[in-house]
Amino acid sequence: MSSTDKRNRLSEEVFTYRITKDNKVFIYWMGKQVTILAGKESDKFLQRISNKDHKETQLVMAKVTGNFKHGNEKNQTSD
């Protein structure tokens, strides 16, 4: 995975997720909601992250969001 995470961003907790009662998955980047998975997408995501370590889970969430694969994301700054 070292070639995938050259800047070692996946060791940080930049992505988080929350599962609702109706099995929807809300994925957050730096505390901001970026996507919602429901139905088959939600089931597939939960299956993909089961028994994964922290870095692998971060990579799955980065791939699911789609916009976070280019490596040019800016760090969040407080205004």
PDB file of N, CA and C in Angstrom:
ATOM      1  N   MET A   1       0.827  -1.201   0.000  1.00  0.00           N
ATOM      2  CA  MET A   1       0.000   0.000   0.000  1.00  0.00           C
ATOM      3  C   MET A   1       0.863   1.252   0.000  1.00  0.00           C
ATOM      4  N   SER A   2       2.176   1.120   0.194  1.00  0.00           N
ATOM      5  CA  SER A   2       3.025   2.304   0.271  1.00  0.00           C
ATOM      6  C   SER A   2       2.988   3.128  -1.005  1.00  0.00           C
ATOM      7  N   SER A   3       2.855   2.492  -2.173  1.00  0.00           N
ATOM      8  CA  SER A   3       2.780   3.269  -3.409  1.00  0.00           C
ATOM      9  C   SER A   3       1.435   3.970  -3.555  1.00  0.00           C
ATOM     10  N   THR A   4       0.410   3.457  -2.895  1.00  0.00           N
ATOM     11  CA  THR A   4      -0.908   4.072  -2.943  1.00  0.00           C
ATOM     12  C   THR A   4      -0.984   5.290  -2.039  1.00  0.00           C
ATOM     13  N   ASP A   5      -0.301   5.245  -0.922  1.00  0.00           N
ATOM     14  CA  ASP A   5      -0.373   6.300   0.095  1.00  0.00           C
ATOM     15  C   ASP A   5       0.993   6.945   0.290  1.00  0.00           C
ATOM     16  N   LYS A   6       1.512   7.576  -0.739  1.00  0.00           N
ATOM     17  CA  LYS A   6       2.857   8.140  -0.700  1.00  0.00           C
ATOM     18  C   LYS A   6       3.007   9.235   0.347  1.00  0.00           C
ATOM     19  N   ARG A   7       1.945   9.977   0.611  1.00  0.00           N
ATOM     20  CA  ARG A   7       2.024  11.067   1.588  1.00  0.00           C
ATOM     21  C   ARG A   7       1.572  10.633   2.979  1.00  0.00           C
ATOM     22  N   ASN A   8       1.305   9.348   3.163  1.00  0.00           N
ATOM     23  CA  ASN A   8       0.926   8.771   4.460  1.00  0.00           C
ATOM     24  C   ASN A   8      -0.328   9.410   5.054  1.00  0.00           C
ATOM     25  N   ARG A   9      -1.262   9.800   4.200  1.00  0.00           N
ATOM     26  CA  ARG A   9      -2.503  10.430   4.658  1.00  0.00           C
ATOM     27  C   ARG A   9      -3.476   9.408   5.252  1.00  0.00           C
ATOM     28  N   LEU A  10      -3.378   8.145   4.835  1.00  0.00           N
ATOM     29  CA  LEU A  10      -4.337   7.155   5.304  1.00  0.00           C
ATOM     30  C   LEU A  10      -4.098   6.735   6.748  1.00  0.00           C
ATOM     31  N   SER A  11      -2.940   7.055   7.304  1.00  0.00           N
ATOM     32  CA  SER A  11      -2.707   6.753   8.717  1.00  0.00           C
ATOM     33  C   SER A  11      -3.452   7.738   9.612  1.00  0.00           C
ATOM     34  N   GLU A  12      -3.814   8.900   9.055  1.00  0.00           N
ATOM     35  CA  GLU A  12      -4.629   9.869   9.771  1.00  0.00           C
ATOM     36  C   GLU A  12      -6.094   9.460   9.634  1.00  0.00           C
ATOM     37  N   GLU A  13      -6.923   9.981  10.475  1.00  0.00           N
ATOM     38  CA  GLU A  13      -8.354   9.669  10.370  1.00  0.00           C
ATOM     39  C   GLU A  13      -9.054  10.798   9.620  1.00  0.00           C
ATOM     40  N   VAL A  14      -8.797  10.884   8.317  1.00  0.00           N
ATOM     41  CA  VAL A  14      -9.415  11.932   7.521  1.00  0.00           C
ATOM     42  C   VAL A  14     -10.839  11.561   7.116  1.00  0.00           C
ATOM     43  N   PHE A  15     -11.106  10.264   6.989  1.00  0.00           N
ATOM     44  CA  PHE A  15     -12.446   9.791   6.676  1.00  0.00           C
ATOM     45  C   PHE A  15     -13.051   9.102   7.889  1.00  0.00           C
ATOM     46  N   THR A  16     -14.328   9.351   8.109  1.00  0.00           N
ATOM     47  CA  THR A  16     -15.099   8.638   9.125  1.00  0.00           C
ATOM     48  C   THR A  16     -16.427   8.256   8.499  1.00  0.00           C
ATOM     49  N   TYR A  17     -17.147   7.373   9.167  1.00  0.00           N
ATOM     50  CA  TYR A  17     -18.458   6.997   8.660  1.00  0.00           C
ATOM     51  C   TYR A  17     -19.416   6.734   9.805  1.00  0.00           C
ATOM     52  N   ARG A  18     -20.694   6.799   9.476  1.00  0.00           N
ATOM     53  CA  ARG A  18     -21.758   6.555  10.447  1.00  0.00           C
ATOM     54  C   ARG A  18     -22.822   5.717   9.760  1.00  0.00           C
ATOM     55  N   ILE A  19     -23.312   4.696  10.458  1.00  0.00           N
ATOM     56  CA  ILE A  19     -24.360   3.821   9.929  1.00  0.00           C
ATOM     57  C   ILE A  19     -25.665   4.146  10.644  1.00  0.00           C
ATOM     58  N   THR A  20     -26.740   4.354   9.874  1.00  0.00           N
ATOM     59  CA  THR A  20     -28.046   4.648  10.464  1.00  0.00           C
ATOM     60  C   THR A  20     -28.829   3.356  10.681  1.00  0.00           C
ATOM     61  N   LYS A  21     -29.960   3.481  11.352  1.00  0.00           N
ATOM     62  CA  LYS A  21     -30.809   2.318  11.623  1.00  0.00           C
ATOM     63  C   LYS A  21     -31.297   1.641  10.353  1.00  0.00           C
ATOM     64  N   ASP A  22     -31.532   2.431   9.302  1.00  0.00           N
ATOM     65  CA  ASP A  22     -32.014   1.854   8.040  1.00  0.00           C
ATOM     66  C   ASP A  22     -30.853   1.451   7.122  1.00  0.00           C
ATOM     67  N   ASN A  23     -29.648   1.296   7.703  1.00  0.00           N
ATOM     68  CA  ASN A  23     -28.454   0.781   7.030  1.00  0.00           C
ATOM     69  C   ASN A  23     -27.877   1.723   5.974  1.00  0.00           C
ATOM     70  N   LYS A  24     -28.179   3.008   6.069  1.00  0.00           N
ATOM     71  CA  LYS A  24     -27.498   3.983   5.216  1.00  0.00           C
ATOM     72  C   LYS A  24     -26.148   4.283   5.850  1.00  0.00           C
ATOM     73  N   VAL A  25     -25.170   4.557   5.005  1.00  0.00           N
ATOM     74  CA  VAL A  25     -23.832   4.887   5.489  1.00  0.00           C
ATOM     75  C   VAL A  25     -23.505   6.315   5.061  1.00  0.00           C
ATOM     76  N   PHE A  26     -23.221   7.160   6.024  1.00  0.00           N
ATOM     77  CA  PHE A  26     -22.806   8.534   5.773  1.00  0.00           C
ATOM     78  C   PHE A  26     -21.285   8.569   5.901  1.00  0.00           C
ATOM     79  N   ILE A  27     -20.603   9.031   4.860  1.00  0.00           N
ATOM     80  CA  ILE A  27     -19.147   9.115   4.886  1.00  0.00           C
ATOM     81  C   ILE A  27     -18.752  10.580   4.981  1.00  0.00           C
ATOM     82  N   TYR A  28     -17.825  10.844   5.900  1.00  0.00           N
ATOM     83  CA  TYR A  28     -17.369  12.197   6.180  1.00  0.00           C
ATOM     84  C   TYR A  28     -15.879  12.311   5.879  1.00  0.00           C
ATOM     85  N   TRP A  29     -15.465  13.467   5.371  1.00  0.00           N
ATOM     86  CA  TRP A  29     -14.064  13.796   5.177  1.00  0.00           C
ATOM     87  C   TRP A  29     -13.778  15.037   6.000  1.00  0.00           C
ATOM     88  N   MET A  30     -12.855  14.914   6.924  1.00  0.00           N
ATOM     89  CA  MET A  30     -12.483  16.016   7.811  1.00  0.00           C
ATOM     90  C   MET A  30     -13.718  16.603   8.508  1.00  0.00           C
ATOM     91  N   GLY A  31     -14.662  15.748   8.862  1.00  0.00           N
ATOM     92  CA  GLY A  31     -15.852  16.174   9.579  1.00  0.00           C
ATOM     93  C   GLY A  31     -16.990  16.670   8.715  1.00  0.00           C
ATOM     94  N   LYS A  32     -16.780  16.752   7.401  1.00  0.00           N
ATOM     95  CA  LYS A  32     -17.828  17.222   6.495  1.00  0.00           C
ATOM     96  C   LYS A  32     -18.382  16.044   5.716  1.00  0.00           C
ATOM     97  N   GLN A  33     -19.704  15.950   5.655  1.00  0.00           N
ATOM     98  CA  GLN A  33     -20.342  14.863   4.928  1.00  0.00           C
ATOM     99  C   GLN A  33     -20.044  14.996   3.435  1.00  0.00           C
ATOM    100  N   VAL A  34     -19.556  13.902   2.830  1.00  0.00           N
ATOM    101  CA  VAL A  34     -19.230  13.956   1.406  1.00  0.00           C
ATOM    102  C   VAL A  34     -20.066  12.998   0.568  1.00  0.00           C
ATOM    103  N   THR A  35     -20.622  11.957   1.173  1.00  0.00           N
ATOM    104  CA  THR A  35     -21.462  11.032   0.407  1.00  0.00           C
ATOM    105  C   THR A  35     -22.343  10.213   1.330  1.00  0.00           C
ATOM    106  N   ILE A  36     -23.414   9.680   0.740  1.00  0.00           N
ATOM    107  CA  ILE A  36     -24.327   8.787   1.448  1.00  0.00           C
ATOM    108  C   ILE A  36     -24.481   7.528   0.607  1.00  0.00           C
ATOM    109  N   LEU A  37     -24.320   6.383   1.235  1.00  0.00           N
ATOM    110  CA  LEU A  37     -24.518   5.105   0.558  1.00  0.00           C
ATOM    111  C   LEU A  37     -25.782   4.459   1.096  1.00  0.00           C
ATOM    112  N   ALA A  38     -26.584   3.890   0.207  1.00  0.00           N
ATOM    113  CA  ALA A  38     -27.812   3.218   0.621  1.00  0.00           C
ATOM    114  C   ALA A  38     -27.991   1.957  -0.208  1.00  0.00           C
ATOM    115  N   GLY A  39     -28.780   1.032   0.309  1.00  0.00           N
ATOM    116  CA  GLY A  39     -29.106  -0.183  -0.429  1.00  0.00           C
ATOM    117  C   GLY A  39     -27.892  -1.052  -0.691  1.00  0.00           C
ATOM    118  N   LYS A  40     -27.763  -1.480  -1.945  1.00  0.00           N
ATOM    119  CA  LYS A  40     -26.667  -2.376  -2.320  1.00  0.00           C
ATOM    120  C   LYS A  40     -25.298  -1.722  -2.146  1.00  0.00           C
ATOM    121  N   GLU A  41     -25.219  -0.416  -2.405  1.00  0.00           N
ATOM    122  CA  GLU A  41     -23.941   0.292  -2.218  1.00  0.00           C
ATOM    123  C   GLU A  41     -23.503   0.246  -0.763  1.00  0.00           C
ATOM    124  N   SER A  42     -24.456   0.448   0.132  1.00  0.00           N
ATOM    125  CA  SER A  42     -24.165   0.410   1.562  1.00  0.00           C
ATOM    126  C   SER A  42     -23.716  -0.988   1.982  1.00  0.00           C
ATOM    127  N   ASP A  43     -24.436  -1.997   1.530  1.00  0.00           N
ATOM    128  CA  ASP A  43     -24.084  -3.387   1.870  1.00  0.00           C
ATOM    129  C   ASP A  43     -22.689  -3.742   1.361  1.00  0.00           C
ATOM    130  N   LYS A  44     -22.389  -3.343   0.128  1.00  0.00           N
ATOM    131  CA  LYS A  44     -21.087  -3.625  -0.470  1.00  0.00           C
ATOM    132  C   LYS A  44     -19.972  -2.933   0.319  1.00  0.00           C
ATOM    133  N   PHE A  45     -20.203  -1.675   0.701  1.00  0.00           N
ATOM    134  CA  PHE A  45     -19.214  -0.928   1.475  1.00  0.00           C
ATOM    135  C   PHE A  45     -18.947  -1.615   2.812  1.00  0.00           C
ATOM    136  N   LEU A  46     -20.002  -1.960   3.526  1.00  0.00           N
ATOM    137  CA  LEU A  46     -19.848  -2.587   4.842  1.00  0.00           C
ATOM    138  C   LEU A  46     -19.128  -3.928   4.732  1.00  0.00           C
ATOM    139  N   GLN A  47     -19.377  -4.645   3.670  1.00  0.00           N
ATOM    140  CA  GLN A  47     -18.690  -5.914   3.453  1.00  0.00           C
ATOM    141  C   GLN A  47     -17.204  -5.678   3.163  1.00  0.00           C
ATOM    142  N   ARG A  48     -16.907  -4.636   2.385  1.00  0.00           N
ATOM    143  CA  ARG A  48     -15.523  -4.349   2.022  1.00  0.00           C
ATOM    144  C   ARG A  48     -14.682  -3.917   3.221  1.00  0.00           C
ATOM    145  N   ILE A  49     -15.289  -3.240   4.200  1.00  0.00           N
ATOM    146  CA  ILE A  49     -14.493  -2.760   5.340  1.00  0.00           C
ATOM    147  C   ILE A  49     -14.454  -3.740   6.507  1.00  0.00           C
ATOM    148  N   SER A  50     -15.274  -4.787   6.454  1.00  0.00           N
ATOM    149  CA  SER A  50     -15.262  -5.735   7.573  1.00  0.00           C
ATOM    150  C   SER A  50     -13.892  -6.414   7.638  1.00  0.00           C
ATOM    151  N   ASN A  51     -13.366  -6.507   8.842  1.00  0.00           N
ATOM    152  CA  ASN A  51     -12.069  -7.138   9.114  1.00  0.00           C
ATOM    153  C   ASN A  51     -10.892  -6.431   8.445  1.00  0.00           C
ATOM    154  N   LYS A  52     -11.013  -5.148   8.185  1.00  0.00           N
ATOM    155  CA  LYS A  52      -9.912  -4.367   7.609  1.00  0.00           C
ATOM    156  C   LYS A  52      -9.264  -3.531   8.704  1.00  0.00           C
ATOM    157  N   ASP A  53      -7.985  -3.249   8.537  1.00  0.00           N
ATOM    158  CA  ASP A  53      -7.328  -2.367   9.497  1.00  0.00           C
ATOM    159  C   ASP A  53      -7.656  -0.905   9.147  1.00  0.00           C
ATOM    160  N   HIS A  54      -7.155  -0.009   9.960  1.00  0.00           N
ATOM    161  CA  HIS A  54      -7.493   1.417   9.824  1.00  0.00           C
ATOM    162  C   HIS A  54      -7.121   1.976   8.453  1.00  0.00           C
ATOM    163  N   LYS A  55      -5.897   1.718   7.999  1.00  0.00           N
ATOM    164  CA  LYS A  55      -5.451   2.270   6.714  1.00  0.00           C
ATOM    165  C   LYS A  55      -6.280   1.719   5.562  1.00  0.00           C
ATOM    166  N   GLU A  56      -6.575   0.438   5.591  1.00  0.00           N
ATOM    167  CA  GLU A  56      -7.366  -0.162   4.519  1.00  0.00           C
ATOM    168  C   GLU A  56      -8.776   0.408   4.490  1.00  0.00           C
ATOM    169  N   THR A  57      -9.354   0.643   5.673  1.00  0.00           N
ATOM    170  CA  THR A  57     -10.683   1.246   5.752  1.00  0.00           C
ATOM    171  C   THR A  57     -10.661   2.667   5.200  1.00  0.00           C
ATOM    172  N   GLN A  58      -9.611   3.420   5.517  1.00  0.00           N
ATOM    173  CA  GLN A  58      -9.470   4.777   4.981  1.00  0.00           C
ATOM    174  C   GLN A  58      -9.378   4.747   3.456  1.00  0.00           C
ATOM    175  N   LEU A  59      -8.642   3.777   2.914  1.00  0.00           N
ATOM    176  CA  LEU A  59      -8.496   3.664   1.463  1.00  0.00           C
ATOM    177  C   LEU A  59      -9.827   3.327   0.803  1.00  0.00           C
ATOM    178  N   VAL A  60     -10.600   2.426   1.398  1.00  0.00           N
ATOM    179  CA  VAL A  60     -11.915   2.076   0.854  1.00  0.00           C
ATOM    180  C   VAL A  60     -12.807   3.312   0.824  1.00  0.00           C
ATOM    181  N   MET A  61     -12.823   4.086   1.906  1.00  0.00           N
ATOM    182  CA  MET A  61     -13.663   5.289   1.940  1.00  0.00           C
ATOM    183  C   MET A  61     -13.177   6.320   0.915  1.00  0.00           C
ATOM    184  N   ALA A  62     -11.866   6.451   0.735  1.00  0.00           N
ATOM    185  CA  ALA A  62     -11.338   7.379  -0.270  1.00  0.00           C
ATOM    186  C   ALA A  62     -11.792   6.970  -1.668  1.00  0.00           C
ATOM    187  N   LYS A  63     -11.762   5.686  -1.943  1.00  0.00           N
ATOM    188  CA  LYS A  63     -12.176   5.202  -3.260  1.00  0.00           C
ATOM    189  C   LYS A  63     -13.678   5.360  -3.465  1.00  0.00           C
ATOM    190  N   VAL A  64     -14.466   5.111  -2.429  1.00  0.00           N
ATOM    191  CA  VAL A  64     -15.923   5.212  -2.540  1.00  0.00           C
ATOM    192  C   VAL A  64     -16.354   6.646  -2.827  1.00  0.00           C
ATOM    193  N   THR A  65     -15.668   7.615  -2.234  1.00  0.00           N
ATOM    194  CA  THR A  65     -16.054   9.004  -2.451  1.00  0.00           C
ATOM    195  C   THR A  65     -15.707   9.479  -3.857  1.00  0.00           C
ATOM    196  N   GLY A  66     -14.703   8.882  -4.481  1.00  0.00           N
ATOM    197  CA  GLY A  66     -14.375   9.195  -5.865  1.00  0.00           C
ATOM    198  C   GLY A  66     -13.607  10.473  -6.087  1.00  0.00           C
ATOM    199  N   ASN A  67     -13.878  11.523  -5.367  1.00  0.00           N
ATOM    200  CA  ASN A  67     -13.206  12.800  -5.583  1.00  0.00           C
ATOM    201  C   ASN A  67     -11.887  12.906  -4.846  1.00  0.00           C
ATOM    202  N   PHE A  68     -11.509  11.882  -4.149  1.00  0.00           N
ATOM    203  CA  PHE A  68     -10.327  11.957  -3.295  1.00  0.00           C
ATOM    204  C   PHE A  68      -9.239  11.021  -3.768  1.00  0.00           C
ATOM    205  N   LYS A  69      -9.128  10.838  -5.070  1.00  0.00           N
ATOM    206  CA  LYS A  69      -8.135   9.914  -5.585  1.00  0.00           C
ATOM    207  C   LYS A  69      -7.036  10.605  -6.371  1.00  0.00           C
ATOM    208  N   HIS A  70      -7.045  11.900  -6.439  1.00  0.00           N
ATOM    209  CA  HIS A  70      -6.111  12.610  -7.284  1.00  0.00           C
ATOM    210  C   HIS A  70      -4.852  13.067  -6.548  1.00  0.00           C
ATOM    211  N   GLY A  71      -4.885  13.109  -5.234  1.00  0.00           N
ATOM    212  CA  GLY A  71      -3.724  13.507  -4.457  1.00  0.00           C
ATOM    213  C   GLY A  71      -3.516  14.995  -4.339  1.00  0.00           C
ATOM    214  N   ASN A  72      -4.461  15.787  -4.805  1.00  0.00           N
ATOM    215  CA  ASN A  72      -4.290  17.233  -4.738  1.00  0.00           C
ATOM    216  C   ASN A  72      -5.298  17.886  -3.790  1.00  0.00           C
ATOM    217  N   GLU A  73      -5.819  17.104  -2.852  1.00  0.00           N
ATOM    218  CA  GLU A  73      -6.779  17.650  -1.915  1.00  0.00           C
ATOM    219  C   GLU A  73      -6.058  18.588  -0.952  1.00  0.00           C
ATOM    220  N   LYS A  74      -6.701  19.675  -0.632  1.00  0.00           N
ATOM    221  CA  LYS A  74      -6.115  20.659   0.259  1.00  0.00           C
ATOM    222  C   LYS A  74      -6.413  20.288   1.703  1.00  0.00           C
ATOM    223  N   ASN A  75      -5.511  20.681   2.576  1.00  0.00           N
ATOM    224  CA  ASN A  75      -5.753  20.484   4.004  1.00  0.00           C
ATOM    225  C   ASN A  75      -6.839  21.441   4.458  1.00  0.00           C
ATOM    226  N   GLN A  76      -7.645  20.988   5.420  1.00  0.00           N
ATOM    227  CA  GLN A  76      -8.710  21.840   5.943  1.00  0.00           C
ATOM    228  C   GLN A  76      -8.075  22.906   6.835  1.00  0.00           C
ATOM    229  N   THR A  77      -8.497  24.139   6.655  1.00  0.00           N
ATOM    230  CA  THR A  77      -8.005  25.224   7.486  1.00  0.00           C
ATOM    231  C   THR A  77      -9.169  25.835   8.235  1.00  0.00           C
ATOM    232  N   SER A  78      -8.899  26.326   9.417  1.00  0.00           N
ATOM    233  CA  SER A  78      -9.959  26.999  10.176  1.00  0.00           C
ATOM    234  C   SER A  78      -9.965  28.465   9.830  1.00  0.00           C
ATOM    235  N   ASP A  79     -11.127  28.990   9.539  1.00  0.00           N
ATOM    236  CA  ASP A  79     -11.256  30.405   9.174  1.00  0.00           C
ATOM    237  C   ASP A  79     -11.689  31.224  10.356  1.00  0.00           C
TER     238      ASP A  79
END
